[in-house]
Each structure stands twice: as structure tokens, then as C-alpha cells.
Amino acid sequence: MFTIGLGTAIEPRNVNRAWTALCKRAGIARAITVHDLRHAFGTYLLASGVDIKTVSGQMRHSRLTTTADFYLHMLEDVQRDAADRMDAIITDLRTPVREAKRSS
């Protein structure tokens, strides 16, 4: 728990107000909420290949399905990327075999 200088809890609306002011000073035109950062955190973890169970734990979701339901589109993108990478690996592995057969 974070507190203010007086030792009392930080009010969420004050965090939001400070965040909005910071974004404005940074020249960010679109309104970005603190909660948007949470979604970005989960999305970037999944996009970088972190497994869904780890992401779910990091986000403190009580159920894995909560993470999967919200980020399903990202999981599909990660799975597609993994399949595309494997296809490229297989293609690269097969290329020297074809060239060696042609040389014989």
C-alpha cells in the first residue's frame, strides 16, 4: 500500500488526476488511463511470448480464464506468430536439402 506524506492511503481519483496531468505534460493527446497501462502490461507480456499462466499470475487474476477471455485475441496472434516462425524454420531446413539434390 502506498501512502501520501501524511501517512494516509492514496485516493484513486488523485492518482488518476496526477496521471492525466503527467500525460498532458508529456504531450500525449489521447486520454490514457492508469487501467490502460494494466491492459498494455498483459498484452505486451503475451505478445513477447510469456505463457498465459504467468501473465495471469502477474495480473493477479483469480482464474486463468479471466486472462484468456480478455486477451484471447492476443493469444491467437501469438499462436499465429509461433506457427509462422516454425514454418520459416522448416523452410530453412529444407532449402539446403533441395540444393544438394540439384547439385548431384
PDB file of N, CA and C in Angstrom:
ATOM      1  N   MET A   1       0.843  -1.172   0.000  1.00  0.00           N
ATOM      2  CA  MET A   1       0.000   0.000   0.000  1.00  0.00           C
ATOM      3  C   MET A   1       0.889   1.236   0.000  1.00  0.00           C
ATOM      4  N   PHE A   2       0.517   2.173  -0.812  1.00  0.00           N
ATOM      5  CA  PHE A   2       1.244   3.430  -0.878  1.00  0.00           C
ATOM      6  C   PHE A   2       0.459   4.489  -0.115  1.00  0.00           C
ATOM      7  N   THR A   3       1.187   5.408   0.485  1.00  0.00           N
ATOM      8  CA  THR A   3       0.529   6.468   1.249  1.00  0.00           C
ATOM      9  C   THR A   3       1.018   7.831   0.788  1.00  0.00           C
ATOM     10  N   ILE A   4       0.262   8.840   1.176  1.00  0.00           N
ATOM     11  CA  ILE A   4       0.700  10.216   0.924  1.00  0.00           C
ATOM     12  C   ILE A   4       1.602  10.649   2.068  1.00  0.00           C
ATOM     13  N   GLY A   5       2.099  11.840   2.003  1.00  0.00           N
ATOM     14  CA  GLY A   5       3.007  12.350   3.028  1.00  0.00           C
ATOM     15  C   GLY A   5       2.446  12.310   4.442  1.00  0.00           C
ATOM     16  N   LEU A   6       1.131  12.380   4.585  1.00  0.00           N
ATOM     17  CA  LEU A   6       0.509  12.346   5.909  1.00  0.00           C
ATOM     18  C   LEU A   6       0.347  10.927   6.443  1.00  0.00           C
ATOM     19  N   GLY A   7       0.667   9.938   5.620  1.00  0.00           N
ATOM     20  CA  GLY A   7       0.554   8.558   6.044  1.00  0.00           C
ATOM     21  C   GLY A   7      -0.793   7.917   5.752  1.00  0.00           C
ATOM     22  N   THR A   8      -1.682   8.648   5.111  1.00  0.00           N
ATOM     23  CA  THR A   8      -2.987   8.084   4.770  1.00  0.00           C
ATOM     24  C   THR A   8      -2.956   7.497   3.363  1.00  0.00           C
ATOM     25  N   ALA A   9      -3.931   6.658   3.078  1.00  0.00           N
ATOM     26  CA  ALA A   9      -3.995   5.990   1.773  1.00  0.00           C
ATOM     27  C   ALA A   9      -4.157   6.995   0.639  1.00  0.00           C
ATOM     28  N   ILE A  10      -3.597   6.650  -0.488  1.00  0.00           N
ATOM     29  CA  ILE A  10      -3.742   7.474  -1.684  1.00  0.00           C
ATOM     30  C   ILE A  10      -5.143   7.273  -2.242  1.00  0.00           C
ATOM     31  N   GLU A  11      -5.813   8.347  -2.541  1.00  0.00           N
ATOM     32  CA  GLU A  11      -7.139   8.269  -3.152  1.00  0.00           C
ATOM     33  C   GLU A  11      -6.981   7.958  -4.639  1.00  0.00           C
ATOM     34  N   PRO A  12      -7.698   6.959  -5.145  1.00  0.00           N
ATOM     35  CA  PRO A  12      -7.582   6.622  -6.574  1.00  0.00           C
ATOM     36  C   PRO A  12      -7.817   7.807  -7.503  1.00  0.00           C
ATOM     37  N   ARG A  13      -8.755   8.660  -7.172  1.00  0.00           N
ATOM     38  CA  ARG A  13      -9.025   9.802  -8.060  1.00  0.00           C
ATOM     39  C   ARG A  13      -7.829  10.747  -8.121  1.00  0.00           C
ATOM     40  N   ASN A  14      -7.039  10.822  -7.032  1.00  0.00           N
ATOM     41  CA  ASN A  14      -5.847  11.666  -7.054  1.00  0.00           C
ATOM     42  C   ASN A  14      -4.754  11.047  -7.929  1.00  0.00           C
ATOM     43  N   VAL A  15      -4.662   9.725  -7.913  1.00  0.00           N
ATOM     44  CA  VAL A  15      -3.713   9.040  -8.800  1.00  0.00           C
ATOM     45  C   VAL A  15      -4.100   9.314 -10.247  1.00  0.00           C
ATOM     46  N   ASN A  16      -5.385   9.173 -10.548  1.00  0.00           N
ATOM     47  CA  ASN A  16      -5.865   9.435 -11.913  1.00  0.00           C
ATOM     48  C   ASN A  16      -5.613  10.881 -12.319  1.00  0.00           C
ATOM     49  N   ARG A  17      -5.840  11.798 -11.413  1.00  0.00           N
ATOM     50  CA  ARG A  17      -5.620  13.221 -11.705  1.00  0.00           C
ATOM     51  C   ARG A  17      -4.143  13.484 -11.993  1.00  0.00           C
ATOM     52  N   ALA A  18      -3.270  12.922 -11.179  1.00  0.00           N
ATOM     53  CA  ALA A  18      -1.822  13.105 -11.374  1.00  0.00           C
ATOM     54  C   ALA A  18      -1.374  12.455 -12.681  1.00  0.00           C
ATOM     55  N   TRP A  19      -1.919  11.270 -12.995  1.00  0.00           N
ATOM     56  CA  TRP A  19      -1.568  10.577 -14.234  1.00  0.00           C
ATOM     57  C   TRP A  19      -1.997  11.402 -15.447  1.00  0.00           C
ATOM     58  N   THR A  20      -3.205  11.939 -15.401  1.00  0.00           N
ATOM     59  CA  THR A  20      -3.719  12.759 -16.504  1.00  0.00           C
ATOM     60  C   THR A  20      -2.828  13.984 -16.721  1.00  0.00           C
ATOM     61  N   ALA A  21      -2.418  14.608 -15.627  1.00  0.00           N
ATOM     62  CA  ALA A  21      -1.536  15.780 -15.728  1.00  0.00           C
ATOM     63  C   ALA A  21      -0.181  15.388 -16.323  1.00  0.00           C
ATOM     64  N   LEU A  22       0.335  14.250 -15.922  1.00  0.00           N
ATOM     65  CA  LEU A  22       1.610  13.773 -16.448  1.00  0.00           C
ATOM     66  C   LEU A  22       1.512  13.513 -17.948  1.00  0.00           C
ATOM     67  N   CYS A  23       0.433  12.872 -18.372  1.00  0.00           N
ATOM     68  CA  CYS A  23       0.231  12.607 -19.806  1.00  0.00           C
ATOM     69  C   CYS A  23       0.143  13.918 -20.587  1.00  0.00           C
ATOM     70  N   LYS A  24      -0.554  14.871 -20.015  1.00  0.00           N
ATOM     71  CA  LYS A  24      -0.709  16.171 -20.685  1.00  0.00           C
ATOM     72  C   LYS A  24       0.655  16.853 -20.827  1.00  0.00           C
ATOM     73  N   ARG A  25       1.457  16.835 -19.765  1.00  0.00           N
ATOM     74  CA  ARG A  25       2.802  17.431 -19.821  1.00  0.00           C
ATOM     75  C   ARG A  25       3.688  16.715 -20.829  1.00  0.00           C
ATOM     76  N   ALA A  26       3.463  15.416 -21.004  1.00  0.00           N
ATOM     77  CA  ALA A  26       4.263  14.634 -21.951  1.00  0.00           C
ATOM     78  C   ALA A  26       3.788  14.822 -23.387  1.00  0.00           C
ATOM     79  N   GLY A  27       2.688  15.555 -23.570  1.00  0.00           N
ATOM     80  CA  GLY A  27       2.184  15.810 -24.907  1.00  0.00           C
ATOM     81  C   GLY A  27       1.389  14.659 -25.496  1.00  0.00           C
ATOM     82  N   ILE A  28       0.888  13.780 -24.654  1.00  0.00           N
ATOM     83  CA  ILE A  28       0.083  12.658 -25.129  1.00  0.00           C
ATOM     84  C   ILE A  28      -1.341  13.159 -25.348  1.00  0.00           C
ATOM     85  N   ALA A  29      -1.759  13.133 -26.601  1.00  0.00           N
ATOM     86  CA  ALA A  29      -3.057  13.719 -26.949  1.00  0.00           C
ATOM     87  C   ALA A  29      -4.227  12.835 -26.528  1.00  0.00           C
ATOM     88  N   ARG A  30      -4.091  11.541 -26.716  1.00  0.00           N
ATOM     89  CA  ARG A  30      -5.186  10.620 -26.393  1.00  0.00           C
ATOM     90  C   ARG A  30      -5.217  10.364 -24.896  1.00  0.00           C
ATOM     91  N   ALA A  31      -6.415  10.324 -24.351  1.00  0.00           N
ATOM     92  CA  ALA A  31      -6.559  10.040 -22.925  1.00  0.00           C
ATOM     93  C   ALA A  31      -6.196   8.585 -22.655  1.00  0.00           C
ATOM     94  N   ILE A  32      -5.200   8.379 -21.823  1.00  0.00           N
ATOM     95  CA  ILE A  32      -4.770   7.042 -21.426  1.00  0.00           C
ATOM     96  C   ILE A  32      -4.950   6.938 -19.923  1.00  0.00           C
ATOM     97  N   THR A  33      -5.673   5.909 -19.499  1.00  0.00           N
ATOM     98  CA  THR A  33      -5.914   5.750 -18.072  1.00  0.00           C
ATOM     99  C   THR A  33      -4.849   4.845 -17.455  1.00  0.00           C
ATOM    100  N   VAL A  34      -4.781   4.891 -16.133  1.00  0.00           N
ATOM    101  CA  VAL A  34      -3.876   4.001 -15.423  1.00  0.00           C
ATOM    102  C   VAL A  34      -4.278   2.556 -15.710  1.00  0.00           C
ATOM    103  N   HIS A  35      -5.567   2.302 -15.822  1.00  0.00           N
ATOM    104  CA  HIS A  35      -6.036   0.951 -16.118  1.00  0.00           C
ATOM    105  C   HIS A  35      -5.598   0.507 -17.520  1.00  0.00           C
ATOM    106  N   ASP A  36      -5.483   1.447 -18.451  1.00  0.00           N
ATOM    107  CA  ASP A  36      -4.954   1.122 -19.782  1.00  0.00           C
ATOM    108  C   ASP A  36      -3.539   0.548 -19.677  1.00  0.00           C
ATOM    109  N   LEU A  37      -2.769   1.041 -18.708  1.00  0.00           N
ATOM    110  CA  LEU A  37      -1.413   0.522 -18.507  1.00  0.00           C
ATOM    111  C   LEU A  37      -1.458  -0.948 -18.113  1.00  0.00           C
ATOM    112  N   ARG A  38      -2.467  -1.307 -17.323  1.00  0.00           N
ATOM    113  CA  ARG A  38      -2.628  -2.705 -16.913  1.00  0.00           C
ATOM    114  C   ARG A  38      -2.865  -3.587 -18.136  1.00  0.00           C
ATOM    115  N   HIS A  39      -3.735  -3.129 -19.022  1.00  0.00           N
ATOM    116  CA  HIS A  39      -4.006  -3.895 -20.239  1.00  0.00           C
ATOM    117  C   HIS A  39      -2.765  -3.968 -21.130  1.00  0.00           C
ATOM    118  N   ALA A  40      -2.046  -2.876 -21.217  1.00  0.00           N
ATOM    119  CA  ALA A  40      -0.823  -2.871 -22.018  1.00  0.00           C
ATOM    120  C   ALA A  40       0.185  -3.868 -21.443  1.00  0.00           C
ATOM    121  N   PHE A  41       0.298  -3.912 -20.133  1.00  0.00           N
ATOM    122  CA  PHE A  41       1.199  -4.840 -19.455  1.00  0.00           C
ATOM    123  C   PHE A  41       0.899  -6.281 -19.866  1.00  0.00           C
ATOM    124  N   GLY A  42      -0.361  -6.680 -19.744  1.00  0.00           N
ATOM    125  CA  GLY A  42      -0.751  -8.041 -20.115  1.00  0.00           C
ATOM    126  C   GLY A  42      -0.548  -8.324 -21.586  1.00  0.00           C
ATOM    127  N   THR A  43      -0.917  -7.379 -22.412  1.00  0.00           N
ATOM    128  CA  THR A  43      -0.795  -7.544 -23.859  1.00  0.00           C
ATOM    129  C   THR A  43       0.659  -7.691 -24.285  1.00  0.00           C
ATOM    130  N   TYR A  44       1.530  -6.833 -23.767  1.00  0.00           N
ATOM    131  CA  TYR A  44       2.939  -6.902 -24.152  1.00  0.00           C
ATOM    132  C   TYR A  44       3.607  -8.178 -23.645  1.00  0.00           C
ATOM    133  N   LEU A  45       3.226  -8.636 -22.452  1.00  0.00           N
ATOM    134  CA  LEU A  45       3.788  -9.894 -21.970  1.00  0.00           C
ATOM    135  C   LEU A  45       3.415 -11.039 -22.897  1.00  0.00           C
ATOM    136  N   LEU A  46       2.130 -11.138 -23.237  1.00  0.00           N
ATOM    137  CA  LEU A  46       1.690 -12.206 -24.127  1.00  0.00           C
ATOM    138  C   LEU A  46       2.334 -12.086 -25.502  1.00  0.00           C
ATOM    139  N   ALA A  47       2.412 -10.865 -26.016  1.00  0.00           N
ATOM    140  CA  ALA A  47       2.994 -10.648 -27.337  1.00  0.00           C
ATOM    141  C   ALA A  47       4.469 -11.031 -27.371  1.00  0.00           C
ATOM    142  N   SER A  48       5.134 -10.923 -26.231  1.00  0.00           N
ATOM    143  CA  SER A  48       6.557 -11.274 -26.202  1.00  0.00           C
ATOM    144  C   SER A  48       6.783 -12.759 -25.922  1.00  0.00           C
ATOM    145  N   GLY A  49       5.679 -13.507 -25.798  1.00  0.00           N
ATOM    146  CA  GLY A  49       5.803 -14.953 -25.657  1.00  0.00           C
ATOM    147  C   GLY A  49       5.701 -15.496 -24.244  1.00  0.00           C
ATOM    148  N   VAL A  50       5.409 -14.652 -23.277  1.00  0.00           N
ATOM    149  CA  VAL A  50       5.231 -15.141 -21.907  1.00  0.00           C
ATOM    150  C   VAL A  50       3.955 -15.972 -21.864  1.00  0.00           C
ATOM    151  N   ASP A  51       4.008 -17.119 -21.191  1.00  0.00           N
ATOM    152  CA  ASP A  51       2.853 -18.014 -21.191  1.00  0.00           C
ATOM    153  C   ASP A  51       1.686 -17.417 -20.395  1.00  0.00           C
ATOM    154  N   ILE A  52       0.490 -17.848 -20.757  1.00  0.00           N
ATOM    155  CA  ILE A  52      -0.751 -17.297 -20.199  1.00  0.00           C
ATOM    156  C   ILE A  52      -0.830 -17.477 -18.683  1.00  0.00           C
ATOM    157  N   LYS A  53      -0.320 -18.571 -18.160  1.00  0.00           N
ATOM    158  CA  LYS A  53      -0.390 -18.807 -16.718  1.00  0.00           C
ATOM    159  C   LYS A  53       0.460 -17.785 -15.962  1.00  0.00           C
ATOM    160  N   THR A  54       1.629 -17.494 -16.476  1.00  0.00           N
ATOM    161  CA  THR A  54       2.497 -16.495 -15.848  1.00  0.00           C
ATOM    162  C   THR A  54       1.865 -15.116 -15.923  1.00  0.00           C
ATOM    163  N   VAL A  55       1.324 -14.767 -17.077  1.00  0.00           N
ATOM    164  CA  VAL A  55       0.670 -13.466 -17.235  1.00  0.00           C
ATOM    165  C   VAL A  55      -0.510 -13.352 -16.273  1.00  0.00           C
ATOM    166  N   SER A  56      -1.306 -14.401 -16.187  1.00  0.00           N
ATOM    167  CA  SER A  56      -2.452 -14.405 -15.281  1.00  0.00           C
ATOM    168  C   SER A  56      -2.007 -14.163 -13.838  1.00  0.00           C
ATOM    169  N   GLY A  57      -0.923 -14.823 -13.441  1.00  0.00           N
ATOM    170  CA  GLY A  57      -0.400 -14.630 -12.091  1.00  0.00           C
ATOM    171  C   GLY A  57       0.115 -13.219 -11.872  1.00  0.00           C
ATOM    172  N   GLN A  58       0.827 -12.677 -12.857  1.00  0.00           N
ATOM    173  CA  GLN A  58       1.349 -11.315 -12.751  1.00  0.00           C
ATOM    174  C   GLN A  58       0.225 -10.292 -12.633  1.00  0.00           C
ATOM    175  N   MET A  59      -0.876 -10.570 -13.305  1.00  0.00           N
ATOM    176  CA  MET A  59      -2.004  -9.633 -13.287  1.00  0.00           C
ATOM    177  C   MET A  59      -2.919  -9.874 -12.093  1.00  0.00           C
ATOM    178  N   ARG A  60      -2.602 -10.901 -11.325  1.00  0.00           N
ATOM    179  CA  ARG A  60      -3.371 -11.248 -10.133  1.00  0.00           C
ATOM    180  C   ARG A  60      -4.815 -11.625 -10.450  1.00  0.00           C
ATOM    181  N   HIS A  61      -5.025 -12.234 -11.622  1.00  0.00           N
ATOM    182  CA  HIS A  61      -6.352 -12.751 -11.935  1.00  0.00           C
ATOM    183  C   HIS A  61      -6.573 -14.010 -11.107  1.00  0.00           C
ATOM    184  N   SER A  62      -7.759 -14.156 -10.540  1.00  0.00           N
ATOM    185  CA  SER A  62      -8.025 -15.323  -9.702  1.00  0.00           C
ATOM    186  C   SER A  62      -8.236 -16.579 -10.531  1.00  0.00           C
ATOM    187  N   ARG A  63      -8.611 -16.406 -11.800  1.00  0.00           N
ATOM    188  CA  ARG A  63      -8.819 -17.561 -12.690  1.00  0.00           C
ATOM    189  C   ARG A  63      -8.076 -17.336 -13.994  1.00  0.00           C
ATOM    190  N   LEU A  64      -7.523 -18.394 -14.506  1.00  0.00           N
ATOM    191  CA  LEU A  64      -6.822 -18.334 -15.786  1.00  0.00           C
ATOM    192  C   LEU A  64      -7.767 -17.917 -16.905  1.00  0.00           C
ATOM    193  N   THR A  65      -9.028 -18.316 -16.803  1.00  0.00           N
ATOM    194  CA  THR A  65      -9.997 -17.973 -17.848  1.00  0.00           C
ATOM    195  C   THR A  65     -10.237 -16.475 -17.936  1.00  0.00           C
ATOM    196  N   THR A  66     -10.068 -15.765 -16.835  1.00  0.00           N
ATOM    197  CA  THR A  66     -10.225 -14.303 -16.868  1.00  0.00           C
ATOM    198  C   THR A  66      -9.204 -13.706 -17.829  1.00  0.00           C
ATOM    199  N   THR A  67      -7.972 -14.157 -17.711  1.00  0.00           N
ATOM    200  CA  THR A  67      -6.904 -13.668 -18.585  1.00  0.00           C
ATOM    201  C   THR A  67      -7.160 -14.114 -20.022  1.00  0.00           C
ATOM    202  N   ALA A  68      -7.486 -15.391 -20.182  1.00  0.00           N
ATOM    203  CA  ALA A  68      -7.698 -15.934 -21.528  1.00  0.00           C
ATOM    204  C   ALA A  68      -8.862 -15.246 -22.224  1.00  0.00           C
ATOM    205  N   ASP A  69      -9.960 -15.027 -21.508  1.00  0.00           N
ATOM    206  CA  ASP A  69     -11.124 -14.389 -22.119  1.00  0.00           C
ATOM    207  C   ASP A  69     -10.809 -12.969 -22.592  1.00  0.00           C
ATOM    208  N   PHE A  70     -10.086 -12.228 -21.781  1.00  0.00           N
ATOM    209  CA  PHE A  70      -9.819 -10.834 -22.128  1.00  0.00           C
ATOM    210  C   PHE A  70      -8.758 -10.705 -23.209  1.00  0.00           C
ATOM    211  N   TYR A  71      -7.759 -11.579 -23.160  1.00  0.00           N
ATOM    212  CA  TYR A  71      -6.624 -11.449 -24.064  1.00  0.00           C
ATOM    213  C   TYR A  71      -6.610 -12.516 -25.150  1.00  0.00           C
ATOM    214  N   LEU A  72      -7.746 -13.155 -25.402  1.00  0.00           N
ATOM    215  CA  LEU A  72      -7.813 -14.239 -26.382  1.00  0.00           C
ATOM    216  C   LEU A  72      -7.289 -13.804 -27.741  1.00  0.00           C
ATOM    217  N   HIS A  73      -7.638 -12.607 -28.180  1.00  0.00           N
ATOM    218  CA  HIS A  73      -7.148 -12.132 -29.481  1.00  0.00           C
ATOM    219  C   HIS A  73      -5.625 -12.087 -29.509  1.00  0.00           C
ATOM    220  N   MET A  74      -5.012 -11.709 -28.391  1.00  0.00           N
ATOM    221  CA  MET A  74      -3.554 -11.648 -28.335  1.00  0.00           C
ATOM    222  C   MET A  74      -2.975 -13.049 -28.365  1.00  0.00           C
ATOM    223  N   LEU A  75      -3.627 -13.975 -27.676  1.00  0.00           N
ATOM    224  CA  LEU A  75      -3.144 -15.354 -27.686  1.00  0.00           C
ATOM    225  C   LEU A  75      -3.174 -15.922 -29.098  1.00  0.00           C
ATOM    226  N   GLU A  76      -4.225 -15.600 -29.840  1.00  0.00           N
ATOM    227  CA  GLU A  76      -4.320 -16.074 -31.225  1.00  0.00           C
ATOM    228  C   GLU A  76      -3.194 -15.496 -32.067  1.00  0.00           C
ATOM    229  N   ASP A  77      -2.879 -14.224 -31.852  1.00  0.00           N
ATOM    230  CA  ASP A  77      -1.773 -13.601 -32.580  1.00  0.00           C
ATOM    231  C   ASP A  77      -0.437 -14.256 -32.225  1.00  0.00           C
ATOM    232  N   VAL A  78      -0.238 -14.566 -30.948  1.00  0.00           N
ATOM    233  CA  VAL A  78       0.994 -15.207 -30.505  1.00  0.00           C
ATOM    234  C   VAL A  78       1.101 -16.602 -31.112  1.00  0.00           C
ATOM    235  N   GLN A  79      -0.022 -17.334 -31.115  1.00  0.00           N
ATOM    236  CA  GLN A  79      -0.016 -18.670 -31.708  1.00  0.00           C
ATOM    237  C   GLN A  79       0.274 -18.603 -33.205  1.00  0.00           C
ATOM    238  N   ARG A  80      -0.306 -17.652 -33.912  1.00  0.00           N
ATOM    239  CA  ARG A  80      -0.069 -17.485 -35.346  1.00  0.00           C
ATOM    240  C   ARG A  80       1.403 -17.161 -35.585  1.00  0.00           C
ATOM    241  N   ASP A  81       1.962 -16.268 -34.758  1.00  0.00           N
ATOM    242  CA  ASP A  81       3.363 -15.904 -34.906  1.00  0.00           C
ATOM    243  C   ASP A  81       4.259 -17.120 -34.683  1.00  0.00           C
ATOM    244  N   ALA A  82       3.939 -17.931 -33.681  1.00  0.00           N
ATOM    245  CA  ALA A  82       4.722 -19.141 -33.412  1.00  0.00           C
ATOM    246  C   ALA A  82       4.653 -20.102 -34.595  1.00  0.00           C
ATOM    247  N   ALA A  83       3.469 -20.262 -35.162  1.00  0.00           N
ATOM    248  CA  ALA A  83       3.313 -21.151 -36.321  1.00  0.00           C
ATOM    249  C   ALA A  83       4.093 -20.618 -37.519  1.00  0.00           C
ATOM    250  N   ASP A  84       4.042 -19.312 -37.739  1.00  0.00           N
ATOM    251  CA  ASP A  84       4.784 -18.711 -38.847  1.00  0.00           C
ATOM    252  C   ASP A  84       6.292 -18.893 -38.672  1.00  0.00           C
ATOM    253  N   ARG A  85       6.753 -18.754 -37.440  1.00  0.00           N
ATOM    254  CA  ARG A  85       8.189 -18.930 -37.174  1.00  0.00           C
ATOM    255  C   ARG A  85       8.615 -20.375 -37.424  1.00  0.00           C
ATOM    256  N   MET A  86       7.769 -21.316 -36.986  1.00  0.00           N
ATOM    257  CA  MET A  86       8.091 -22.727 -37.213  1.00  0.00           C
ATOM    258  C   MET A  86       8.098 -23.034 -38.700  1.00  0.00           C
ATOM    259  N   ASP A  87       7.172 -22.460 -39.442  1.00  0.00           N
ATOM    260  CA  ASP A  87       7.139 -22.653 -40.887  1.00  0.00           C
ATOM    261  C   ASP A  87       8.437 -22.147 -41.523  1.00  0.00           C
ATOM    262  N   ALA A  88       8.902 -20.987 -41.056  1.00  0.00           N
ATOM    263  CA  ALA A  88      10.154 -20.432 -41.587  1.00  0.00           C
ATOM    264  C   ALA A  88      11.340 -21.335 -41.249  1.00  0.00           C
ATOM    265  N   ILE A  89      11.344 -21.898 -40.051  1.00  0.00           N
ATOM    266  CA  ILE A  89      12.428 -22.805 -39.646  1.00  0.00           C
ATOM    267  C   ILE A  89      12.435 -24.042 -40.540  1.00  0.00           C
ATOM    268  N   ILE A  90      11.262 -24.626 -40.734  1.00  0.00           N
ATOM    269  CA  ILE A  90      11.165 -25.830 -41.571  1.00  0.00           C
ATOM    270  C   ILE A  90      11.580 -25.519 -43.006  1.00  0.00           C
ATOM    271  N   THR A  91      11.139 -24.385 -43.522  1.00  0.00           N
ATOM    272  CA  THR A  91      11.515 -23.980 -44.875  1.00  0.00           C
ATOM    273  C   THR A  91      13.025 -23.834 -44.986  1.00  0.00           C
ATOM    274  N   ASP A  92      13.633 -23.188 -43.970  1.00  0.00           N
ATOM    275  CA  ASP A  92      15.090 -23.017 -43.985  1.00  0.00           C
ATOM    276  C   ASP A  92      15.810 -24.359 -43.905  1.00  0.00           C
ATOM    277  N   LEU A  93      15.273 -25.284 -43.147  1.00  0.00           N
ATOM    278  CA  LEU A  93      15.903 -26.603 -43.021  1.00  0.00           C
ATOM    279  C   LEU A  93      15.813 -27.399 -44.319  1.00  0.00           C
ATOM    280  N   ARG A  94      14.739 -27.218 -45.044  1.00  0.00           N
ATOM    281  CA  ARG A  94      14.545 -27.978 -46.276  1.00  0.00           C
ATOM    282  C   ARG A  94      15.332 -27.396 -47.450  1.00  0.00           C
ATOM    283  N   THR A  95      15.635 -26.150 -47.442  1.00  0.00           N
ATOM    284  CA  THR A  95      16.303 -25.498 -48.549  1.00  0.00           C
ATOM    285  C   THR A  95      17.650 -26.130 -48.891  1.00  0.00           C
ATOM    286  N   PRO A  96      18.548 -26.367 -47.947  1.00  0.00           N
ATOM    287  CA  PRO A  96      19.837 -26.986 -48.296  1.00  0.00           C
ATOM    288  C   PRO A  96      19.671 -28.384 -48.883  1.00  0.00           C
ATOM    289  N   VAL A  97      18.681 -29.142 -48.450  1.00  0.00           N
ATOM    290  CA  VAL A  97      18.457 -30.488 -48.980  1.00  0.00           C
ATOM    291  C   VAL A  97      18.102 -30.408 -50.447  1.00  0.00           C
ATOM    292  N   ARG A  98      17.239 -29.511 -50.820  1.00  0.00           N
ATOM    293  CA  ARG A  98      16.850 -29.346 -52.236  1.00  0.00           C
ATOM    294  C   ARG A  98      18.056 -28.945 -53.070  1.00  0.00           C
ATOM    295  N   GLU A  99      18.850 -27.994 -52.577  1.00  0.00           N
ATOM    296  CA  GLU A  99      20.006 -27.540 -53.330  1.00  0.00           C
ATOM    297  C   GLU A  99      21.048 -28.644 -53.479  1.00  0.00           C
ATOM    298  N   ALA A 100      21.228 -29.478 -52.437  1.00  0.00           N
ATOM    299  CA  ALA A 100      22.188 -30.582 -52.510  1.00  0.00           C
ATOM    300  C   ALA A 100      21.751 -31.621 -53.516  1.00  0.00           C
ATOM    301  N   LYS A 101      20.438 -31.884 -53.592  1.00  0.00           N
ATOM    302  CA  LYS A 101      19.925 -32.855 -54.571  1.00  0.00           C
ATOM    303  C   LYS A 101      20.128 -32.352 -55.990  1.00  0.00           C
ATOM    304  N   ARG A 102      19.968 -31.047 -56.195  1.00  0.00           N
ATOM    305  CA  ARG A 102      20.142 -30.491 -57.533  1.00  0.00           C
ATOM    306  C   ARG A 102      21.596 -30.566 -57.973  1.00  0.00           C
ATOM    307  N   SER A 103      22.530 -30.443 -57.044  1.00  0.00           N
ATOM    308  CA  SER A 103      23.961 -30.466 -57.357  1.00  0.00           C
ATOM    309  C   SER A 103      24.427 -31.857 -57.732  1.00  0.00           C
ATOM    310  N   SER A 104      23.738 -32.896 -57.262  1.00  0.00           N
ATOM    311  CA  SER A 104      24.179 -34.281 -57.510  1.00  0.00           C
ATOM    312  C   SER A 104      23.952 -34.730 -58.895  1.00  0.00           C
TER     313      SER A 104
END
